[in-house]
Amino acid sequence: MGAVPPAKAALPAESLKSGFLLLYDLDFAGAQREFEAWEKLHPDDPMGPVSEAADVLFSEFNRLGVLEAQFYESDSVFAARKKYDADPAQRTRFEQQLDRAEQMAKAKLNRDARDLDSLFAMTLSNGLRSDFAALIEKRNIASLHYTKEATTWSQQLLAVDPDFYDAHLASGVSRYIIGSMAAPIRWLLHFGGVSGDKAGAIAELQTTAEHGYLLAPFARILLAIACVREKDFTRAREFLFGLQHEFPNNTLFGRELARLDKNGNH
């Protein structure tokens, strides 16, 4: 068997990365154009439809104010978060793109179980499903199921290529969420094969934030949220300042900085 190719060789083309950068800057139409252009050149690659699904999810997050609301400062406030009503057409499109991505990925993995893009697409697909279930629909059990699936796929991906840094985001999110839960729930989840570890989670998110290709900005957003929740306001401000500079059209970061100032969290 030949050597495993380096991660860079399997990572998506620059146009796909450009789409994700536009997505983080709230230019959802521009991101969609980049993803569609990329798909025409790579019609059998599952990264195309899974990226379109990410665009749908972030556009709904923005429309509903979901990410802004996720800067909760305590677990009790997070538990009491509201349930949102997703746009029905957007929800259908989201599901259709993820189903298409998973069908493509599984077909390719049946031919080559070490196909990096397909393993990454399966990781992303389950991660996006988890985010939709938890942050929009408030379906906690369903979200944990998808989180566990995303973690399993990410572990398979990292076993093939330990330098595929974007894969760390899935397990980092999983370990942080579960590590934040009450002890009896953590104990029950541990019996189901899911464990929580906040410190380990932060380390994995930091790895993606520093070395990730498509998901580095998202990892930095999650780290900012985690820092607010852990009362590390100095570090939260550092992440938010950096994100504000990198994505000037995304007003979320400036609003969160203003809220920290208003609350005296310097």
C-alpha atoms as a PDB file:
ATOM      1  CA  MET A   1       0.000   0.000   0.000  1.00  0.00           C
ATOM      2  CA  GLY A   2       1.347   3.438  -0.921  1.00  0.00           C
ATOM      3  CA  ALA A   3       2.025   6.202   1.537  1.00  0.00           C
ATOM      4  CA  VAL A   4      -0.899   8.298   2.716  1.00  0.00           C
ATOM      5  CA  PRO A   5      -0.912  11.597   0.796  1.00  0.00           C
ATOM      6  CA  PRO A   6      -0.379  14.759   2.843  1.00  0.00           C
ATOM      7  CA  ALA A   7      -3.478  16.642   3.972  1.00  0.00           C
ATOM      8  CA  LYS A   8      -2.828  19.599   1.685  1.00  0.00           C
ATOM      9  CA  ALA A   9      -3.085  17.370  -1.391  1.00  0.00           C
ATOM     10  CA  ALA A  10      -6.594  16.301  -0.464  1.00  0.00           C
ATOM     11  CA  LEU A  11      -7.920  19.617   0.777  1.00  0.00           C
ATOM     12  CA  PRO A  12     -10.462  21.476  -1.365  1.00  0.00           C
ATOM     13  CA  ALA A  13      -9.421  23.985  -4.001  1.00  0.00           C
ATOM     14  CA  GLU A  14      -9.035  27.668  -3.202  1.00  0.00           C
ATOM     15  CA  SER A  15     -12.463  28.516  -4.622  1.00  0.00           C
ATOM     16  CA  LEU A  16     -14.095  26.358  -1.956  1.00  0.00           C
ATOM     17  CA  LYS A  17     -12.072  28.094   0.742  1.00  0.00           C
ATOM     18  CA  SER A  18     -13.103  31.451  -0.750  1.00  0.00           C
ATOM     19  CA  GLY A  19     -16.730  30.359  -0.373  1.00  0.00           C
ATOM     20  CA  PHE A  20     -16.252  29.613   3.313  1.00  0.00           C
ATOM     21  CA  LEU A  21     -14.552  32.973   3.907  1.00  0.00           C
ATOM     22  CA  LEU A  22     -17.506  34.735   2.252  1.00  0.00           C
ATOM     23  CA  LEU A  23     -19.867  32.664   4.412  1.00  0.00           C
ATOM     24  CA  TYR A  24     -18.130  33.818   7.617  1.00  0.00           C
ATOM     25  CA  ASP A  25     -18.405  37.412   6.331  1.00  0.00           C
ATOM     26  CA  LEU A  26     -22.193  36.953   5.837  1.00  0.00           C
ATOM     27  CA  ASP A  27     -22.036  37.088   2.017  1.00  0.00           C
ATOM     28  CA  PHE A  28     -24.192  34.000   1.589  1.00  0.00           C
ATOM     29  CA  ALA A  29     -25.044  34.656  -2.064  1.00  0.00           C
ATOM     30  CA  GLY A  30     -21.362  35.084  -2.888  1.00  0.00           C
ATOM     31  CA  ALA A  31     -20.502  31.892  -1.023  1.00  0.00           C
ATOM     32  CA  GLN A  32     -23.216  30.033  -2.905  1.00  0.00           C
ATOM     33  CA  ARG A  33     -21.766  31.179  -6.245  1.00  0.00           C
ATOM     34  CA  GLU A  34     -18.305  29.951  -5.233  1.00  0.00           C
ATOM     35  CA  PHE A  35     -19.665  26.571  -4.139  1.00  0.00           C
ATOM     36  CA  GLU A  36     -21.714  26.117  -7.318  1.00  0.00           C
ATOM     37  CA  ALA A  37     -18.703  27.026  -9.483  1.00  0.00           C
ATOM     38  CA  TRP A  38     -16.572  24.533  -7.586  1.00  0.00           C
ATOM     39  CA  GLU A  39     -19.198  21.800  -7.956  1.00  0.00           C
ATOM     40  CA  LYS A  40     -19.214  22.180 -11.754  1.00  0.00           C
ATOM     41  CA  LEU A  41     -15.518  21.298 -11.735  1.00  0.00           C
ATOM     42  CA  HIS A  42     -15.927  18.511  -9.118  1.00  0.00           C
ATOM     43  CA  PRO A  43     -19.391  17.009  -9.751  1.00  0.00           C
ATOM     44  CA  ASP A  44     -18.740  13.780  -7.851  1.00  0.00           C
ATOM     45  CA  ASP A  45     -17.060  15.319  -4.793  1.00  0.00           C
ATOM     46  CA  PRO A  46     -19.254  15.400  -1.648  1.00  0.00           C
ATOM     47  CA  MET A  47     -17.551  18.580  -0.418  1.00  0.00           C
ATOM     48  CA  GLY A  48     -19.691  20.568  -2.885  1.00  0.00           C
ATOM     49  CA  PRO A  49     -23.134  19.803  -1.470  1.00  0.00           C
ATOM     50  CA  VAL A  50     -21.935  19.727   2.155  1.00  0.00           C
ATOM     51  CA  SER A  51     -20.516  23.239   1.665  1.00  0.00           C
ATOM     52  CA  GLU A  52     -23.854  24.401   0.233  1.00  0.00           C
ATOM     53  CA  ALA A  53     -25.531  22.989   3.349  1.00  0.00           C
ATOM     54  CA  ALA A  54     -23.096  24.956   5.532  1.00  0.00           C
ATOM     55  CA  ASP A  55     -24.099  28.111   3.648  1.00  0.00           C
ATOM     56  CA  VAL A  56     -27.767  27.394   4.369  1.00  0.00           C
ATOM     57  CA  LEU A  57     -27.078  26.775   8.060  1.00  0.00           C
ATOM     58  CA  PHE A  58     -25.075  29.960   8.550  1.00  0.00           C
ATOM     59  CA  SER A  59     -27.630  32.043   6.650  1.00  0.00           C
ATOM     60  CA  GLU A  60     -30.331  30.727   9.000  1.00  0.00           C
ATOM     61  CA  PHE A  61     -28.076  31.352  12.009  1.00  0.00           C
ATOM     62  CA  ASN A  62     -27.715  34.938  10.823  1.00  0.00           C
ATOM     63  CA  ARG A  63     -31.410  35.454  10.039  1.00  0.00           C
ATOM     64  CA  LEU A  64     -32.499  34.090  13.408  1.00  0.00           C
ATOM     65  CA  GLY A  65     -29.692  35.644  15.470  1.00  0.00           C
ATOM     66  CA  VAL A  66     -28.649  32.200  16.684  1.00  0.00           C
ATOM     67  CA  LEU A  67     -24.893  32.694  17.027  1.00  0.00           C
ATOM     68  CA  GLU A  68     -25.330  35.966  18.853  1.00  0.00           C
ATOM     69  CA  ALA A  69     -27.652  34.236  21.291  1.00  0.00           C
ATOM     70  CA  GLN A  70     -25.103  31.447  21.823  1.00  0.00           C
ATOM     71  CA  PHE A  71     -22.728  33.768  23.679  1.00  0.00           C
ATOM     72  CA  TYR A  72     -24.406  32.518  26.853  1.00  0.00           C
ATOM     73  CA  GLU A  73     -22.509  33.162  30.042  1.00  0.00           C
ATOM     74  CA  SER A  74     -23.748  30.135  31.979  1.00  0.00           C
ATOM     75  CA  ASP A  75     -24.919  26.565  31.444  1.00  0.00           C
ATOM     76  CA  SER A  76     -28.306  27.366  33.007  1.00  0.00           C
ATOM     77  CA  VAL A  77     -28.962  30.157  30.506  1.00  0.00           C
ATOM     78  CA  PHE A  78     -27.915  27.842  27.664  1.00  0.00           C
ATOM     79  CA  ALA A  79     -30.329  25.175  28.928  1.00  0.00           C
ATOM     80  CA  ALA A  80     -33.149  27.729  28.894  1.00  0.00           C
ATOM     81  CA  ARG A  81     -32.382  28.895  25.326  1.00  0.00           C
ATOM     82  CA  LYS A  82     -35.254  29.351  22.930  1.00  0.00           C
ATOM     83  CA  LYS A  83     -36.295  27.142  20.036  1.00  0.00           C
ATOM     84  CA  TYR A  84     -36.291  28.823  16.628  1.00  0.00           C
ATOM     85  CA  ASP A  85     -38.448  28.317  13.556  1.00  0.00           C
ATOM     86  CA  ALA A  86     -36.287  27.563  10.548  1.00  0.00           C
ATOM     87  CA  ASP A  87     -37.485  28.647   7.128  1.00  0.00           C
ATOM     88  CA  PRO A  88     -39.190  25.503   5.715  1.00  0.00           C
ATOM     89  CA  ALA A  89     -37.681  25.886   2.243  1.00  0.00           C
ATOM     90  CA  GLN A  90     -34.200  26.411   3.687  1.00  0.00           C
ATOM     91  CA  ARG A  91     -34.579  23.424   5.979  1.00  0.00           C
ATOM     92  CA  THR A  92     -35.590  21.233   3.017  1.00  0.00           C
ATOM     93  CA  ARG A  93     -32.628  22.468   0.980  1.00  0.00           C
ATOM     94  CA  PHE A  94     -30.310  21.854   3.932  1.00  0.00           C
ATOM     95  CA  GLU A  95     -31.483  18.233   4.252  1.00  0.00           C
ATOM     96  CA  GLN A  96     -31.334  17.631   0.496  1.00  0.00           C
ATOM     97  CA  GLN A  97     -27.751  18.844   0.207  1.00  0.00           C
ATOM     98  CA  LEU A  98     -26.608  16.780   3.187  1.00  0.00           C
ATOM     99  CA  ASP A  99     -28.359  13.658   1.878  1.00  0.00           C
ATOM    100  CA  ARG A 100     -26.667  14.190  -1.488  1.00  0.00           C
ATOM    101  CA  ALA A 101     -23.270  14.717   0.146  1.00  0.00           C
ATOM    102  CA  GLU A 102     -23.596  11.573   2.270  1.00  0.00           C
ATOM    103  CA  GLN A 103     -24.672   9.446  -0.703  1.00  0.00           C
ATOM    104  CA  MET A 104     -21.650  10.651  -2.707  1.00  0.00           C
ATOM    105  CA  ALA A 105     -19.273  10.179   0.221  1.00  0.00           C
ATOM    106  CA  LYS A 106     -20.450   6.659   1.043  1.00  0.00           C
ATOM    107  CA  ALA A 107     -20.225   5.629  -2.609  1.00  0.00           C
ATOM    108  CA  LYS A 108     -16.608   6.826  -2.752  1.00  0.00           C
ATOM    109  CA  LEU A 109     -15.759   5.263   0.617  1.00  0.00           C
ATOM    110  CA  ASN A 110     -17.078   1.908  -0.632  1.00  0.00           C
ATOM    111  CA  ARG A 111     -14.369   2.108  -3.298  1.00  0.00           C
ATOM    112  CA  ASP A 112     -11.675   3.628  -1.058  1.00  0.00           C
ATOM    113  CA  ALA A 113     -12.193   3.689   2.718  1.00  0.00           C
ATOM    114  CA  ARG A 114      -9.291   6.158   3.056  1.00  0.00           C
ATOM    115  CA  ASP A 115     -10.739   8.864   0.781  1.00  0.00           C
ATOM    116  CA  LEU A 116     -10.028  12.039   2.752  1.00  0.00           C
ATOM    117  CA  ASP A 117     -12.595  14.351   1.187  1.00  0.00           C
ATOM    118  CA  SER A 118     -15.349  11.779   1.756  1.00  0.00           C
ATOM    119  CA  LEU A 119     -14.351  11.204   5.378  1.00  0.00           C
ATOM    120  CA  PHE A 120     -14.270  14.970   5.884  1.00  0.00           C
ATOM    121  CA  ALA A 121     -17.660  15.402   4.175  1.00  0.00           C
ATOM    122  CA  MET A 122     -19.207  12.795   6.509  1.00  0.00           C
ATOM    123  CA  THR A 123     -17.654  14.575   9.508  1.00  0.00           C
ATOM    124  CA  LEU A 124     -18.977  17.941   8.357  1.00  0.00           C
ATOM    125  CA  SER A 125     -22.420  16.602   7.455  1.00  0.00           C
ATOM    126  CA  ASN A 126     -23.024  15.158  10.902  1.00  0.00           C
ATOM    127  CA  GLY A 127     -21.574  18.255  12.550  1.00  0.00           C
ATOM    128  CA  LEU A 128     -23.942  20.499  10.580  1.00  0.00           C
ATOM    129  CA  ARG A 129     -26.899  18.275  11.462  1.00  0.00           C
ATOM    130  CA  SER A 130     -25.876  18.498  15.116  1.00  0.00           C
ATOM    131  CA  ASP A 131     -25.667  22.306  14.984  1.00  0.00           C
ATOM    132  CA  PHE A 132     -29.079  22.583  13.316  1.00  0.00           C
ATOM    133  CA  ALA A 133     -30.685  20.244  15.842  1.00  0.00           C
ATOM    134  CA  ALA A 134     -29.133  21.911  18.903  1.00  0.00           C
ATOM    135  CA  LEU A 135     -29.025  25.601  18.075  1.00  0.00           C
ATOM    136  CA  ILE A 136     -32.140  26.033  15.937  1.00  0.00           C
ATOM    137  CA  GLU A 137     -34.535  23.232  16.868  1.00  0.00           C
ATOM    138  CA  LYS A 138     -33.334  22.644  20.461  1.00  0.00           C
ATOM    139  CA  ARG A 139     -33.364  18.857  19.940  1.00  0.00           C
ATOM    140  CA  ASN A 140     -30.623  17.990  22.422  1.00  0.00           C
ATOM    141  CA  ILE A 141     -30.703  14.189  22.142  1.00  0.00           C
ATOM    142  CA  ALA A 142     -30.679  14.283  18.345  1.00  0.00           C
ATOM    143  CA  SER A 143     -27.819  16.766  18.463  1.00  0.00           C
ATOM    144  CA  LEU A 144     -25.755  14.503  20.729  1.00  0.00           C
ATOM    145  CA  HIS A 145     -26.380  11.589  18.339  1.00  0.00           C
ATOM    146  CA  TYR A 146     -25.058  13.592  15.376  1.00  0.00           C
ATOM    147  CA  THR A 147     -22.170  14.916  17.458  1.00  0.00           C
ATOM    148  CA  LYS A 148     -21.129  11.366  18.296  1.00  0.00           C
ATOM    149  CA  GLU A 149     -21.357  10.419  14.600  1.00  0.00           C
ATOM    150  CA  ALA A 150     -19.272  13.434  13.596  1.00  0.00           C
ATOM    151  CA  THR A 151     -16.646  12.512  16.183  1.00  0.00           C
ATOM    152  CA  THR A 152     -16.491   8.930  14.913  1.00  0.00           C
ATOM    153  CA  TRP A 153     -15.948  10.094  11.337  1.00  0.00           C
ATOM    154  CA  SER A 154     -13.358  12.670  12.422  1.00  0.00           C
ATOM    155  CA  GLN A 155     -11.412   9.968  14.269  1.00  0.00           C
ATOM    156  CA  GLN A 156     -11.413   7.816  11.133  1.00  0.00           C
ATOM    157  CA  LEU A 157     -10.165  10.798   9.132  1.00  0.00           C
ATOM    158  CA  LEU A 158      -7.378  11.590  11.602  1.00  0.00           C
ATOM    159  CA  ALA A 159      -6.347   7.928  11.642  1.00  0.00           C
ATOM    160  CA  VAL A 160      -5.702   8.214   7.890  1.00  0.00           C
ATOM    161  CA  ASP A 161      -4.168  11.684   8.039  1.00  0.00           C
ATOM    162  CA  PRO A 162      -3.208  13.058  11.494  1.00  0.00           C
ATOM    163  CA  ASP A 163      -2.542  16.477   9.917  1.00  0.00           C
ATOM    164  CA  PHE A 164      -6.109  17.046   8.709  1.00  0.00           C
ATOM    165  CA  TYR A 165      -6.575  19.767  11.306  1.00  0.00           C
ATOM    166  CA  ASP A 166     -10.173  20.697  10.427  1.00  0.00           C
ATOM    167  CA  ALA A 167     -11.237  17.278  11.720  1.00  0.00           C
ATOM    168  CA  HIS A 168     -10.422  18.261  15.313  1.00  0.00           C
ATOM    169  CA  LEU A 169     -13.356  20.674  15.418  1.00  0.00           C
ATOM    170  CA  ALA A 170     -15.985  17.912  15.557  1.00  0.00           C
ATOM    171  CA  SER A 171     -14.562  16.079  18.550  1.00  0.00           C
ATOM    172  CA  GLY A 172     -13.605  19.366  20.220  1.00  0.00           C
ATOM    173  CA  VAL A 173     -17.221  20.554  20.130  1.00  0.00           C
ATOM    174  CA  SER A 174     -18.431  17.177  21.385  1.00  0.00           C
ATOM    175  CA  ARG A 175     -16.024  17.062  24.330  1.00  0.00           C
ATOM    176  CA  TYR A 176     -16.811  20.653  25.332  1.00  0.00           C
ATOM    177  CA  ILE A 177     -20.600  20.279  25.227  1.00  0.00           C
ATOM    178  CA  ILE A 178     -20.561  17.040  27.204  1.00  0.00           C
ATOM    179  CA  GLY A 179     -17.942  18.385  29.604  1.00  0.00           C
ATOM    180  CA  SER A 180     -20.324  21.266  30.349  1.00  0.00           C
ATOM    181  CA  MET A 181     -23.186  18.994  31.357  1.00  0.00           C
ATOM    182  CA  ALA A 182     -24.147  18.039  34.891  1.00  0.00           C
ATOM    183  CA  ALA A 183     -22.193  15.136  36.391  1.00  0.00           C
ATOM    184  CA  PRO A 184     -25.040  12.534  36.302  1.00  0.00           C
ATOM    185  CA  ILE A 185     -25.659  13.226  32.602  1.00  0.00           C
ATOM    186  CA  ARG A 186     -21.925  12.953  31.851  1.00  0.00           C
ATOM    187  CA  TRP A 187     -21.889   9.620  33.690  1.00  0.00           C
ATOM    188  CA  LEU A 188     -24.797   8.284  31.635  1.00  0.00           C
ATOM    189  CA  LEU A 189     -23.289   9.504  28.371  1.00  0.00           C
ATOM    190  CA  HIS A 190     -19.965   7.896  29.268  1.00  0.00           C
ATOM    191  CA  PHE A 191     -21.746   4.538  29.353  1.00  0.00           C
ATOM    192  CA  GLY A 192     -22.944   5.303  25.842  1.00  0.00           C
ATOM    193  CA  GLY A 193     -19.382   5.799  24.689  1.00  0.00           C
ATOM    194  CA  VAL A 194     -19.342   9.598  24.761  1.00  0.00           C
ATOM    195  CA  SER A 195     -17.023  11.411  27.147  1.00  0.00           C
ATOM    196  CA  GLY A 196     -16.529  15.064  27.990  1.00  0.00           C
ATOM    197  CA  ASP A 197     -13.332  16.965  28.685  1.00  0.00           C
ATOM    198  CA  LYS A 198     -13.385  20.766  28.567  1.00  0.00           C
ATOM    199  CA  ALA A 199      -9.628  21.248  28.636  1.00  0.00           C
ATOM    200  CA  GLY A 200      -9.084  18.660  25.907  1.00  0.00           C
ATOM    201  CA  ALA A 201     -11.908  20.195  23.898  1.00  0.00           C
ATOM    202  CA  ILE A 202     -10.356  23.652  24.041  1.00  0.00           C
ATOM    203  CA  ALA A 203      -7.015  22.197  22.918  1.00  0.00           C
ATOM    204  CA  GLU A 204      -8.659  20.556  19.885  1.00  0.00           C
ATOM    205  CA  LEU A 205     -10.530  23.729  18.931  1.00  0.00           C
ATOM    206  CA  GLN A 206      -7.238  25.646  19.295  1.00  0.00           C
ATOM    207  CA  THR A 207      -5.585  23.194  16.890  1.00  0.00           C
ATOM    208  CA  THR A 208      -8.252  23.858  14.261  1.00  0.00           C
ATOM    209  CA  ALA A 209      -8.156  27.604  14.925  1.00  0.00           C
ATOM    210  CA  GLU A 210      -4.399  27.729  14.330  1.00  0.00           C
ATOM    211  CA  HIS A 211      -3.951  25.186  11.550  1.00  0.00           C
ATOM    212  CA  GLY A 212      -7.378  24.508   9.991  1.00  0.00           C
ATOM    213  CA  TYR A 213      -8.127  25.145   6.329  1.00  0.00           C
ATOM    214  CA  LEU A 214     -11.891  25.699   6.015  1.00  0.00           C
ATOM    215  CA  LEU A 215     -12.973  25.677   9.652  1.00  0.00           C
ATOM    216  CA  ALA A 216     -10.311  27.817  11.379  1.00  0.00           C
ATOM    217  CA  PRO A 217     -12.576  30.903  11.657  1.00  0.00           C
ATOM    218  CA  PHE A 218     -15.475  28.801  12.964  1.00  0.00           C
ATOM    219  CA  ALA A 219     -13.133  27.297  15.573  1.00  0.00           C
ATOM    220  CA  ARG A 220     -12.178  30.828  16.652  1.00  0.00           C
ATOM    221  CA  ILE A 221     -15.872  31.761  16.978  1.00  0.00           C
ATOM    222  CA  LEU A 222     -16.435  28.693  19.163  1.00  0.00           C
ATOM    223  CA  LEU A 223     -13.346  29.515  21.250  1.00  0.00           C
ATOM    224  CA  ALA A 224     -14.652  33.054  21.791  1.00  0.00           C
ATOM    225  CA  ILE A 225     -17.949  31.599  23.011  1.00  0.00           C
ATOM    226  CA  ALA A 226     -16.124  29.129  25.253  1.00  0.00           C
ATOM    227  CA  CYS A 227     -13.960  31.906  26.710  1.00  0.00           C
ATOM    228  CA  VAL A 228     -17.027  34.010  27.544  1.00  0.00           C
ATOM    229  CA  ARG A 229     -18.616  30.998  29.235  1.00  0.00           C
ATOM    230  CA  GLU A 230     -15.409  30.263  31.169  1.00  0.00           C
ATOM    231  CA  LYS A 231     -15.130  33.940  32.220  1.00  0.00           C
ATOM    232  CA  ASP A 232     -11.835  34.342  30.348  1.00  0.00           C
ATOM    233  CA  PHE A 233     -12.876  37.719  28.964  1.00  0.00           C
ATOM    234  CA  THR A 234      -9.365  38.854  27.996  1.00  0.00           C
ATOM    235  CA  ARG A 235      -8.949  35.917  25.646  1.00  0.00           C
ATOM    236  CA  ALA A 236     -12.535  36.234  24.394  1.00  0.00           C
ATOM    237  CA  ARG A 237     -11.806  39.834  23.402  1.00  0.00           C
ATOM    238  CA  GLU A 238      -8.641  38.771  21.573  1.00  0.00           C
ATOM    239  CA  PHE A 239     -10.583  36.273  19.474  1.00  0.00           C
ATOM    240  CA  LEU A 240     -13.394  38.755  18.799  1.00  0.00           C
ATOM    241  CA  PHE A 241     -10.992  41.546  17.785  1.00  0.00           C
ATOM    242  CA  GLY A 242      -9.254  39.195  15.358  1.00  0.00           C
ATOM    243  CA  LEU A 243     -12.537  37.984  13.865  1.00  0.00           C
ATOM    244  CA  GLN A 244     -13.840  41.549  13.563  1.00  0.00           C
ATOM    245  CA  HIS A 245     -10.711  42.543  11.624  1.00  0.00           C
ATOM    246  CA  GLU A 246     -10.850  39.464   9.365  1.00  0.00           C
ATOM    247  CA  PHE A 247     -14.598  39.671   8.645  1.00  0.00           C
ATOM    248  CA  PRO A 248     -15.592  43.359   8.774  1.00  0.00           C
ATOM    249  CA  ASN A 249     -19.071  42.759   7.332  1.00  0.00           C
ATOM    250  CA  ASN A 250     -19.996  40.374  10.154  1.00  0.00           C
ATOM    251  CA  THR A 251     -21.382  42.685  12.839  1.00  0.00           C
ATOM    252  CA  LEU A 252     -21.705  39.869  15.403  1.00  0.00           C
ATOM    253  CA  PHE A 253     -18.146  40.316  16.653  1.00  0.00           C
ATOM    254  CA  GLY A 254     -18.437  44.067  17.243  1.00  0.00           C
ATOM    255  CA  ARG A 255     -21.736  43.613  19.064  1.00  0.00           C
ATOM    256  CA  GLU A 256     -20.245  40.988  21.356  1.00  0.00           C
ATOM    257  CA  LEU A 257     -17.250  43.230  22.112  1.00  0.00           C
ATOM    258  CA  ALA A 258     -19.642  46.069  22.963  1.00  0.00           C
ATOM    259  CA  ARG A 259     -21.653  43.766  25.215  1.00  0.00           C
ATOM    260  CA  LEU A 260     -18.497  42.724  27.105  1.00  0.00           C
ATOM    261  CA  ASP A 261     -17.608  46.419  27.551  1.00  0.00           C
ATOM    262  CA  LYS A 262     -21.136  47.247  28.739  1.00  0.00           C
ATOM    263  CA  ASN A 263     -21.000  44.467  31.324  1.00  0.00           C
ATOM    264  CA  GLY A 264     -17.575  45.588  32.516  1.00  0.00           C
ATOM    265  CA  ASN A 265     -15.879  42.382  31.324  1.00  0.00           C
ATOM    266  CA  HIS A 266     -12.482  43.688  30.259  1.00  0.00           C
END
